[in-house]
Amino acid sequence: MAKGLGKGLDSIFTDSHARDAEELEEVKVQECRPNPYQPRKHFTASAIEELAQSIKEHGVLQPLIVRKSIKGYEIVAGERRFRAASQAGLEYIPVIIRQMSDNEMMEVALLENLQRENLTPIEEAQAYQNLIKELGVTQEELSQRLGKSRSHIANLVRLLNLSPEVMRKINEGTLSMGHGRAILGLKDKGQLPAVLQIIERDQLNVRQVEKLILDYNERKPKRKKPAAEKDIFLKEREATLKERLGTDVTIHKGKKKGKIEIEFFDDEDLERILGWMDHK
């Protein structure tokens, strides 16, 4: 696919150009399959239902772009229309058949969703990551190819370093991309549950989350008090008992009382130790 695909994508998606340049065909809805490289993973049921009602009244106004496969057709662009048409009970759907490679399908599917602003930040980040991997390009090369800034791609891809829980919340819309970028700055990941609880409880905006993360990062970790050095007399007695009993012995001395712990391995070992005590 040509470099700078994102700038010339209108020739693929605009109705008039597509209809004039290529012949429309109608294929059975059941012969179409979703794009295996579809970056969008979340489809809102209410939005599909609304589109299905529109299709029942007016039909499918914009054809799907598909490529022929061994069995039927793979959808390159238009999965929402396909889902809605299926829900509306249509038997046939208008399509434009294109010859495309797997890489071209990935790019077109991503760009279609980006133009329609259908992707969550995490879905967009995963799509960029997949393209970088499959096409073997750098972020800079991908930015030129898609007509997106390198910083935009880099900032989104960084979100994939977030925990699965935070990525899920961004997908669900309870956290924004800005929240995610701020959370990435948390140094001690063990503090994440507490941070998320505060964000959700107090409905913090991005600036407030940035300040919260800064406060957490500046906190000094609590240091455990070093264990008090054991009395030399107790150490000597422990060593003597260990030698005589042939097992580990620990003496604990409190302010008012103490205790002696003697380890044994099994019933036979216990009888051996008790026998030694009886003779003493």
C-alpha atoms as a PDB file:
ATOM      1  CA  MET A   1       0.000   0.000   0.000  1.00  0.00           C
ATOM      2  CA  ALA A   2       1.271   3.429  -0.888  1.00  0.00           C
ATOM      3  CA  LYS A   3       3.061   5.567   1.627  1.00  0.00           C
ATOM      4  CA  GLY A   4       0.795   8.163   3.197  1.00  0.00           C
ATOM      5  CA  LEU A   5      -2.288   5.970   2.890  1.00  0.00           C
ATOM      6  CA  GLY A   6      -4.125   7.966   5.565  1.00  0.00           C
ATOM      7  CA  LYS A   7      -4.152  11.086   3.372  1.00  0.00           C
ATOM      8  CA  GLY A   8      -5.733   9.370   0.392  1.00  0.00           C
ATOM      9  CA  LEU A   9      -8.169   7.104   2.129  1.00  0.00           C
ATOM     10  CA  ASP A  10     -11.204   9.101   0.974  1.00  0.00           C
ATOM     11  CA  SER A  11     -10.993   7.279  -2.352  1.00  0.00           C
ATOM     12  CA  ILE A  12     -11.772   4.080  -0.481  1.00  0.00           C
ATOM     13  CA  PHE A  13     -14.564   5.307   1.755  1.00  0.00           C
ATOM     14  CA  THR A  14     -16.506   8.098   0.031  1.00  0.00           C
ATOM     15  CA  ASP A  15     -19.721   6.839  -1.556  1.00  0.00           C
ATOM     16  CA  SER A  16     -19.612   8.721  -4.852  1.00  0.00           C
ATOM     17  CA  HIS A  17     -16.023   7.863  -5.756  1.00  0.00           C
ATOM     18  CA  ALA A  18     -16.370   4.221  -4.783  1.00  0.00           C
ATOM     19  CA  ARG A  19     -19.654   3.750  -6.649  1.00  0.00           C
ATOM     20  CA  ASP A  20     -18.367   5.458  -9.796  1.00  0.00           C
ATOM     21  CA  ALA A  21     -15.013   3.679  -9.843  1.00  0.00           C
ATOM     22  CA  GLU A  22     -16.200   0.154  -9.112  1.00  0.00           C
ATOM     23  CA  GLU A  23     -19.304  -1.905  -9.615  1.00  0.00           C
ATOM     24  CA  LEU A  24     -21.452  -2.670  -6.604  1.00  0.00           C
ATOM     25  CA  GLU A  25     -22.412  -6.245  -5.927  1.00  0.00           C
ATOM     26  CA  GLU A  26     -24.860  -7.817  -3.528  1.00  0.00           C
ATOM     27  CA  VAL A  27     -23.791 -10.881  -1.573  1.00  0.00           C
ATOM     28  CA  LYS A  28     -25.490 -12.927   1.117  1.00  0.00           C
ATOM     29  CA  VAL A  29     -24.982 -11.551   4.597  1.00  0.00           C
ATOM     30  CA  GLN A  30     -24.222 -15.043   5.891  1.00  0.00           C
ATOM     31  CA  GLU A  31     -21.306 -15.308   3.436  1.00  0.00           C
ATOM     32  CA  CYS A  32     -19.526 -12.336   5.052  1.00  0.00           C
ATOM     33  CA  ARG A  33     -17.140 -12.732   7.969  1.00  0.00           C
ATOM     34  CA  PRO A  34     -15.628 -10.063  10.255  1.00  0.00           C
ATOM     35  CA  ASN A  35     -12.158  -8.762   9.473  1.00  0.00           C
ATOM     36  CA  PRO A  36      -9.672 -10.878  11.471  1.00  0.00           C
ATOM     37  CA  TYR A  37      -7.550  -7.724  11.801  1.00  0.00           C
ATOM     38  CA  GLN A  38     -10.402  -5.552  13.092  1.00  0.00           C
ATOM     39  CA  PRO A  39      -8.849  -3.343  15.785  1.00  0.00           C
ATOM     40  CA  ARG A  40     -12.199  -2.502  17.333  1.00  0.00           C
ATOM     41  CA  LYS A  41     -13.179  -5.044  19.986  1.00  0.00           C
ATOM     42  CA  HIS A  42     -16.097  -3.245  21.670  1.00  0.00           C
ATOM     43  CA  PHE A  43     -19.383  -2.707  19.816  1.00  0.00           C
ATOM     44  CA  THR A  44     -22.140  -0.867  21.695  1.00  0.00           C
ATOM     45  CA  ALA A  45     -25.345  -2.893  21.551  1.00  0.00           C
ATOM     46  CA  SER A  46     -27.566   0.220  21.583  1.00  0.00           C
ATOM     47  CA  ALA A  47     -25.648   1.782  18.669  1.00  0.00           C
ATOM     48  CA  ILE A  48     -25.937  -1.435  16.612  1.00  0.00           C
ATOM     49  CA  GLU A  49     -29.670  -1.587  17.384  1.00  0.00           C
ATOM     50  CA  GLU A  50     -30.123   2.042  16.294  1.00  0.00           C
ATOM     51  CA  LEU A  51     -28.269   1.376  13.036  1.00  0.00           C
ATOM     52  CA  ALA A  52     -30.301  -1.802  12.481  1.00  0.00           C
ATOM     53  CA  GLN A  53     -33.537   0.208  12.743  1.00  0.00           C
ATOM     54  CA  SER A  54     -32.184   2.723  10.227  1.00  0.00           C
ATOM     55  CA  ILE A  55     -31.235  -0.095   7.852  1.00  0.00           C
ATOM     56  CA  LYS A  56     -34.745  -1.566   8.123  1.00  0.00           C
ATOM     57  CA  GLU A  57     -36.172   1.771   6.981  1.00  0.00           C
ATOM     58  CA  HIS A  58     -33.593   2.984   4.471  1.00  0.00           C
ATOM     59  CA  GLY A  59     -31.398  -0.010   3.648  1.00  0.00           C
ATOM     60  CA  VAL A  60     -27.585  -0.029   3.705  1.00  0.00           C
ATOM     61  CA  LEU A  61     -26.593   3.378   2.296  1.00  0.00           C
ATOM     62  CA  GLN A  62     -22.826   2.745   2.131  1.00  0.00           C
ATOM     63  CA  PRO A  63     -21.492  -0.558   0.789  1.00  0.00           C
ATOM     64  CA  LEU A  64     -19.076  -2.739   2.679  1.00  0.00           C
ATOM     65  CA  ILE A  65     -15.580  -3.207   1.335  1.00  0.00           C
ATOM     66  CA  VAL A  66     -14.715  -6.914   1.271  1.00  0.00           C
ATOM     67  CA  ARG A  67     -12.141  -9.278  -0.127  1.00  0.00           C
ATOM     68  CA  LYS A  68     -12.924 -12.711  -1.454  1.00  0.00           C
ATOM     69  CA  SER A  69     -11.682 -15.625   0.640  1.00  0.00           C
ATOM     70  CA  ILE A  70     -11.779 -19.396   0.266  1.00  0.00           C
ATOM     71  CA  LYS A  71     -15.277 -19.429   1.749  1.00  0.00           C
ATOM     72  CA  GLY A  72     -17.282 -16.273   1.190  1.00  0.00           C
ATOM     73  CA  TYR A  73     -15.939 -12.794   1.935  1.00  0.00           C
ATOM     74  CA  GLU A  74     -13.876 -11.116   4.639  1.00  0.00           C
ATOM     75  CA  ILE A  75     -14.981  -7.628   5.639  1.00  0.00           C
ATOM     76  CA  VAL A  76     -12.259  -5.046   5.114  1.00  0.00           C
ATOM     77  CA  ALA A  77     -14.388  -2.084   6.228  1.00  0.00           C
ATOM     78  CA  GLY A  78     -17.945  -1.841   7.510  1.00  0.00           C
ATOM     79  CA  GLU A  79     -18.286  -4.378  10.332  1.00  0.00           C
ATOM     80  CA  ARG A  80     -20.818  -2.191  12.194  1.00  0.00           C
ATOM     81  CA  ARG A  81     -23.022  -2.115   9.082  1.00  0.00           C
ATOM     82  CA  PHE A  82     -22.602  -5.881   8.734  1.00  0.00           C
ATOM     83  CA  ARG A  83     -23.643  -6.498  12.357  1.00  0.00           C
ATOM     84  CA  ALA A  84     -26.599  -4.149  12.058  1.00  0.00           C
ATOM     85  CA  ALA A  85     -27.689  -5.693   8.739  1.00  0.00           C
ATOM     86  CA  SER A  86     -27.563  -9.140  10.329  1.00  0.00           C
ATOM     87  CA  GLN A  87     -29.625  -7.867  13.259  1.00  0.00           C
ATOM     88  CA  ALA A  88     -32.097  -6.234  10.863  1.00  0.00           C
ATOM     89  CA  GLY A  89     -32.620  -9.605   9.175  1.00  0.00           C
ATOM     90  CA  LEU A  90     -31.256  -8.657   5.740  1.00  0.00           C
ATOM     91  CA  GLU A  91     -30.438 -11.544   3.433  1.00  0.00           C
ATOM     92  CA  TYR A  92     -28.226  -9.576   1.014  1.00  0.00           C
ATOM     93  CA  ILE A  93     -25.880  -6.633   1.554  1.00  0.00           C
ATOM     94  CA  PRO A  94     -24.164  -4.294  -0.972  1.00  0.00           C
ATOM     95  CA  VAL A  95     -20.390  -4.682  -1.211  1.00  0.00           C
ATOM     96  CA  ILE A  96     -17.364  -3.564  -3.204  1.00  0.00           C
ATOM     97  CA  ILE A  97     -14.909  -6.419  -3.703  1.00  0.00           C
ATOM     98  CA  ARG A  98     -11.226  -5.514  -3.480  1.00  0.00           C
ATOM     99  CA  GLN A  99      -8.025  -7.490  -3.728  1.00  0.00           C
ATOM    100  CA  MET A 100      -5.993  -6.781  -0.603  1.00  0.00           C
ATOM    101  CA  SER A 101      -3.118  -8.317   1.294  1.00  0.00           C
ATOM    102  CA  ASP A 102      -3.327  -9.004   5.025  1.00  0.00           C
ATOM    103  CA  ASN A 103      -1.210  -5.920   5.755  1.00  0.00           C
ATOM    104  CA  GLU A 104      -3.447  -3.723   3.621  1.00  0.00           C
ATOM    105  CA  MET A 105      -6.483  -5.075   5.454  1.00  0.00           C
ATOM    106  CA  MET A 106      -4.914  -4.164   8.783  1.00  0.00           C
ATOM    107  CA  GLU A 107      -4.176  -0.622   7.650  1.00  0.00           C
ATOM    108  CA  VAL A 108      -7.558   0.019   6.074  1.00  0.00           C
ATOM    109  CA  ALA A 109      -9.452  -1.400   9.067  1.00  0.00           C
ATOM    110  CA  LEU A 110      -7.483   0.836  11.419  1.00  0.00           C
ATOM    111  CA  LEU A 111      -7.875   3.944   9.280  1.00  0.00           C
ATOM    112  CA  GLU A 112     -11.609   3.433   8.795  1.00  0.00           C
ATOM    113  CA  ASN A 113     -12.103   3.290  12.549  1.00  0.00           C
ATOM    114  CA  LEU A 114      -9.800   6.270  13.143  1.00  0.00           C
ATOM    115  CA  GLN A 115     -11.720   8.399  10.639  1.00  0.00           C
ATOM    116  CA  ARG A 116     -14.977   7.540  12.356  1.00  0.00           C
ATOM    117  CA  GLU A 117     -13.503   7.847  15.871  1.00  0.00           C
ATOM    118  CA  ASN A 118     -14.801   4.426  16.868  1.00  0.00           C
ATOM    119  CA  LEU A 119     -11.757   3.097  18.703  1.00  0.00           C
ATOM    120  CA  THR A 120     -10.936   3.340  22.386  1.00  0.00           C
ATOM    121  CA  PRO A 121      -7.380   4.567  23.141  1.00  0.00           C
ATOM    122  CA  ILE A 122      -6.351   1.011  24.070  1.00  0.00           C
ATOM    123  CA  GLU A 123      -7.772  -0.466  20.855  1.00  0.00           C
ATOM    124  CA  GLU A 124      -5.995   2.223  18.849  1.00  0.00           C
ATOM    125  CA  ALA A 125      -2.733   1.544  20.707  1.00  0.00           C
ATOM    126  CA  GLN A 126      -3.001  -2.208  20.080  1.00  0.00           C
ATOM    127  CA  ALA A 127      -3.698  -1.575  16.392  1.00  0.00           C
ATOM    128  CA  TYR A 128      -0.579   0.597  16.081  1.00  0.00           C
ATOM    129  CA  GLN A 129       1.482  -2.013  17.912  1.00  0.00           C
ATOM    130  CA  ASN A 130       0.210  -4.762  15.598  1.00  0.00           C
ATOM    131  CA  LEU A 131       1.012  -2.727  12.496  1.00  0.00           C
ATOM    132  CA  ILE A 132       4.526  -1.942  13.747  1.00  0.00           C
ATOM    133  CA  LYS A 133       5.104  -5.637  14.345  1.00  0.00           C
ATOM    134  CA  GLU A 134       3.509  -7.004  11.170  1.00  0.00           C
ATOM    135  CA  LEU A 135       4.840  -4.343   8.799  1.00  0.00           C
ATOM    136  CA  GLY A 136       8.275  -4.245  10.423  1.00  0.00           C
ATOM    137  CA  VAL A 137       8.295  -0.450  10.618  1.00  0.00           C
ATOM    138  CA  THR A 138       9.300   2.094  13.262  1.00  0.00           C
ATOM    139  CA  GLN A 139       6.873   4.457  14.965  1.00  0.00           C
ATOM    140  CA  GLU A 140       8.232   7.276  12.799  1.00  0.00           C
ATOM    141  CA  GLU A 141       7.692   5.288   9.590  1.00  0.00           C
ATOM    142  CA  LEU A 142       4.184   4.317  10.684  1.00  0.00           C
ATOM    143  CA  SER A 143       3.331   7.935  11.497  1.00  0.00           C
ATOM    144  CA  GLN A 144       4.305   8.987   7.966  1.00  0.00           C
ATOM    145  CA  ARG A 145       2.375   6.091   6.475  1.00  0.00           C
ATOM    146  CA  LEU A 146      -0.833   6.825   8.381  1.00  0.00           C
ATOM    147  CA  GLY A 147      -0.623  10.614   8.472  1.00  0.00           C
ATOM    148  CA  LYS A 148      -0.453  10.626  12.296  1.00  0.00           C
ATOM    149  CA  SER A 149       2.199  12.333  14.433  1.00  0.00           C
ATOM    150  CA  ARG A 150       4.886  10.106  15.919  1.00  0.00           C
ATOM    151  CA  SER A 151       4.224  11.511  19.397  1.00  0.00           C
ATOM    152  CA  HIS A 152       0.541  10.580  19.123  1.00  0.00           C
ATOM    153  CA  ILE A 153       1.426   6.991  18.239  1.00  0.00           C
ATOM    154  CA  ALA A 154       4.148   6.799  20.903  1.00  0.00           C
ATOM    155  CA  ASN A 155       1.874   8.138  23.666  1.00  0.00           C
ATOM    156  CA  LEU A 156      -0.835   5.637  22.806  1.00  0.00           C
ATOM    157  CA  VAL A 157       1.493   2.634  22.548  1.00  0.00           C
ATOM    158  CA  ARG A 158       2.860   3.482  26.017  1.00  0.00           C
ATOM    159  CA  LEU A 159      -0.627   2.802  27.404  1.00  0.00           C
ATOM    160  CA  LEU A 160      -0.059  -0.899  26.706  1.00  0.00           C
ATOM    161  CA  ASN A 161       2.349  -0.872  29.679  1.00  0.00           C
ATOM    162  CA  LEU A 162      -0.600  -0.269  32.008  1.00  0.00           C
ATOM    163  CA  SER A 163      -2.046  -3.070  34.109  1.00  0.00           C
ATOM    164  CA  PRO A 164      -4.900  -5.104  32.561  1.00  0.00           C
ATOM    165  CA  GLU A 165      -7.299  -3.572  35.096  1.00  0.00           C
ATOM    166  CA  VAL A 166      -6.448   0.007  34.112  1.00  0.00           C
ATOM    167  CA  MET A 167      -6.651  -0.840  30.386  1.00  0.00           C
ATOM    168  CA  ARG A 168     -10.081  -2.393  30.982  1.00  0.00           C
ATOM    169  CA  LYS A 169     -11.270   0.769  32.737  1.00  0.00           C
ATOM    170  CA  ILE A 170     -10.050   2.892  29.807  1.00  0.00           C
ATOM    171  CA  ASN A 171     -11.885   0.615  27.365  1.00  0.00           C
ATOM    172  CA  GLU A 172     -15.038   0.943  29.451  1.00  0.00           C
ATOM    173  CA  GLY A 173     -14.670   4.728  29.576  1.00  0.00           C
ATOM    174  CA  THR A 174     -14.382   5.015  33.366  1.00  0.00           C
ATOM    175  CA  LEU A 175     -10.800   6.272  32.922  1.00  0.00           C
ATOM    176  CA  SER A 176      -9.481   8.452  30.096  1.00  0.00           C
ATOM    177  CA  MET A 177      -6.262   8.272  28.110  1.00  0.00           C
ATOM    178  CA  GLY A 178      -5.008  11.193  30.235  1.00  0.00           C
ATOM    179  CA  HIS A 179      -5.704   9.242  33.419  1.00  0.00           C
ATOM    180  CA  GLY A 180      -3.777   6.304  31.980  1.00  0.00           C
ATOM    181  CA  ARG A 181      -0.757   8.427  31.057  1.00  0.00           C
ATOM    182  CA  ALA A 182      -0.680   9.869  34.583  1.00  0.00           C
ATOM    183  CA  ILE A 183      -0.927   6.422  36.184  1.00  0.00           C
ATOM    184  CA  LEU A 184       2.067   5.269  34.128  1.00  0.00           C
ATOM    185  CA  GLY A 185       4.174   7.586  36.284  1.00  0.00           C
ATOM    186  CA  LEU A 186       3.449   5.663  39.496  1.00  0.00           C
ATOM    187  CA  LYS A 187       6.784   4.254  40.675  1.00  0.00           C
ATOM    188  CA  ASP A 188       5.536   1.692  43.195  1.00  0.00           C
ATOM    189  CA  LYS A 189       3.013  -0.466  41.329  1.00  0.00           C
ATOM    190  CA  GLY A 190       2.001  -2.022  44.630  1.00  0.00           C
ATOM    191  CA  GLN A 191       0.257   1.283  45.407  1.00  0.00           C
ATOM    192  CA  LEU A 192      -1.957   1.035  42.301  1.00  0.00           C
ATOM    193  CA  PRO A 193      -5.065  -0.426  44.042  1.00  0.00           C
ATOM    194  CA  ALA A 194      -5.055   2.429  46.568  1.00  0.00           C
ATOM    195  CA  VAL A 195      -4.554   5.015  43.800  1.00  0.00           C
ATOM    196  CA  LEU A 196      -7.430   3.624  41.709  1.00  0.00           C
ATOM    197  CA  GLN A 197      -9.704   3.585  44.727  1.00  0.00           C
ATOM    198  CA  ILE A 198      -9.014   7.286  45.387  1.00  0.00           C
ATOM    199  CA  ILE A 199      -9.473   8.222  41.697  1.00  0.00           C
ATOM    200  CA  GLU A 200     -12.861   6.512  41.499  1.00  0.00           C
ATOM    201  CA  ARG A 201     -14.070   7.557  44.940  1.00  0.00           C
ATOM    202  CA  ASP A 202     -13.222  11.249  44.466  1.00  0.00           C
ATOM    203  CA  GLN A 203     -13.854  11.337  40.678  1.00  0.00           C
ATOM    204  CA  LEU A 204     -10.451  12.937  40.087  1.00  0.00           C
ATOM    205  CA  ASN A 205      -9.662  14.676  36.807  1.00  0.00           C
ATOM    206  CA  VAL A 206      -6.352  14.204  34.997  1.00  0.00           C
ATOM    207  CA  ARG A 207      -4.572  17.110  36.733  1.00  0.00           C
ATOM    208  CA  GLN A 208      -5.673  15.838  40.131  1.00  0.00           C
ATOM    209  CA  VAL A 209      -4.443  12.338  39.290  1.00  0.00           C
ATOM    210  CA  GLU A 210      -1.054  13.735  38.224  1.00  0.00           C
ATOM    211  CA  LYS A 211      -0.777  15.481  41.620  1.00  0.00           C
ATOM    212  CA  LEU A 212      -1.884  12.317  43.426  1.00  0.00           C
ATOM    213  CA  ILE A 213       0.800  10.257  41.638  1.00  0.00           C
ATOM    214  CA  LEU A 214       3.409  12.891  42.491  1.00  0.00           C
ATOM    215  CA  ASP A 215       2.406  12.741  46.160  1.00  0.00           C
ATOM    216  CA  TYR A 216       2.664   8.938  46.190  1.00  0.00           C
ATOM    217  CA  ASN A 217       6.059   8.994  44.467  1.00  0.00           C
ATOM    218  CA  GLU A 218       7.449  11.429  47.035  1.00  0.00           C
ATOM    219  CA  ARG A 219       6.387   9.357  50.017  1.00  0.00           C
ATOM    220  CA  LYS A 220       9.263   7.657  51.787  1.00  0.00           C
ATOM    221  CA  PRO A 221       8.761   3.919  52.233  1.00  0.00           C
ATOM    222  CA  LYS A 222       8.263   2.833  55.801  1.00  0.00           C
ATOM    223  CA  ARG A 223      11.297   1.061  57.137  1.00  0.00           C
ATOM    224  CA  LYS A 224      10.892  -1.909  59.375  1.00  0.00           C
ATOM    225  CA  LYS A 225      12.571  -1.611  62.727  1.00  0.00           C
ATOM    226  CA  PRO A 226      15.596  -3.872  62.878  1.00  0.00           C
ATOM    227  CA  ALA A 227      15.136  -6.821  65.143  1.00  0.00           C
ATOM    228  CA  ALA A 228      16.674  -6.294  68.568  1.00  0.00           C
ATOM    229  CA  GLU A 229      20.001  -8.041  69.009  1.00  0.00           C
ATOM    230  CA  LYS A 230      19.497 -11.234  71.044  1.00  0.00           C
ATOM    231  CA  ASP A 231      21.168 -11.454  74.433  1.00  0.00           C
ATOM    232  CA  ILE A 232      24.513 -13.315  74.268  1.00  0.00           C
ATOM    233  CA  PHE A 233      23.391 -15.464  77.221  1.00  0.00           C
ATOM    234  CA  LEU A 234      20.300 -16.652  75.284  1.00  0.00           C
ATOM    235  CA  LYS A 235      22.409 -17.355  72.198  1.00  0.00           C
ATOM    236  CA  GLU A 236      24.720 -19.592  74.225  1.00  0.00           C
ATOM    237  CA  ARG A 237      21.781 -21.472  75.757  1.00  0.00           C
ATOM    238  CA  GLU A 238      20.215 -21.958  72.310  1.00  0.00           C
ATOM    239  CA  ALA A 239      23.485 -23.366  70.971  1.00  0.00           C
ATOM    240  CA  THR A 240      23.798 -25.758  73.916  1.00  0.00           C
ATOM    241  CA  LEU A 241      20.242 -27.075  73.533  1.00  0.00           C
ATOM    242  CA  LYS A 242      20.638 -27.456  69.747  1.00  0.00           C
ATOM    243  CA  GLU A 243      23.742 -29.554  70.282  1.00  0.00           C
ATOM    244  CA  ARG A 244      22.176 -31.764  72.967  1.00  0.00           C
ATOM    245  CA  LEU A 245      18.786 -32.242  71.311  1.00  0.00           C
ATOM    246  CA  GLY A 246      20.068 -32.496  67.742  1.00  0.00           C
ATOM    247  CA  THR A 247      17.434 -30.086  66.386  1.00  0.00           C
ATOM    248  CA  ASP A 248      16.722 -26.355  66.086  1.00  0.00           C
ATOM    249  CA  VAL A 249      15.862 -24.566  69.327  1.00  0.00           C
ATOM    250  CA  THR A 250      14.755 -20.928  69.678  1.00  0.00           C
ATOM    251  CA  ILE A 251      14.403 -19.079  72.968  1.00  0.00           C
ATOM    252  CA  HIS A 252      12.039 -16.094  73.096  1.00  0.00           C
ATOM    253  CA  LYS A 253      12.318 -13.779  76.094  1.00  0.00           C
ATOM    254  CA  GLY A 254       9.587 -11.247  76.813  1.00  0.00           C
ATOM    255  CA  LYS A 255       9.243  -8.611  79.518  1.00  0.00           C
ATOM    256  CA  LYS A 256       7.252 -10.872  81.835  1.00  0.00           C
ATOM    257  CA  LYS A 257       7.626 -14.342  80.395  1.00  0.00           C
ATOM    258  CA  GLY A 258       9.335 -16.277  77.652  1.00  0.00           C
ATOM    259  CA  LYS A 259       9.103 -19.522  75.723  1.00  0.00           C
ATOM    260  CA  ILE A 260      11.301 -22.174  74.149  1.00  0.00           C
ATOM    261  CA  GLU A 261      10.528 -23.565  70.706  1.00  0.00           C
ATOM    262  CA  ILE A 262      11.917 -27.034  69.854  1.00  0.00           C
ATOM    263  CA  GLU A 263      11.523 -28.417  66.345  1.00  0.00           C
ATOM    264  CA  PHE A 264      10.874 -32.100  65.586  1.00  0.00           C
ATOM    265  CA  PHE A 265      10.358 -33.870  62.293  1.00  0.00           C
ATOM    266  CA  ASP A 266       7.957 -36.711  63.095  1.00  0.00           C
ATOM    267  CA  ASP A 267       6.499 -38.753  65.950  1.00  0.00           C
ATOM    268  CA  GLU A 268       9.681 -40.771  66.319  1.00  0.00           C
ATOM    269  CA  ASP A 269      11.775 -37.615  66.580  1.00  0.00           C
ATOM    270  CA  LEU A 270       9.364 -36.213  69.177  1.00  0.00           C
ATOM    271  CA  GLU A 271       9.655 -39.387  71.295  1.00  0.00           C
ATOM    272  CA  ARG A 272      13.435 -39.143  71.089  1.00  0.00           C
ATOM    273  CA  ILE A 273      13.419 -35.572  72.424  1.00  0.00           C
ATOM    274  CA  LEU A 274      10.896 -36.383  75.166  1.00  0.00           C
ATOM    275  CA  GLY A 275      12.951 -39.396  76.158  1.00  0.00           C
ATOM    276  CA  TRP A 276      16.025 -37.216  76.565  1.00  0.00           C
ATOM    277  CA  MET A 277      14.048 -34.805  78.772  1.00  0.00           C
ATOM    278  CA  ASP A 278      12.679 -37.646  80.948  1.00  0.00           C
ATOM    279  CA  HIS A 279      16.189 -38.905  81.671  1.00  0.00           C
ATOM    280  CA  LYS A 280      17.261 -35.417  82.704  1.00  0.00           C
END
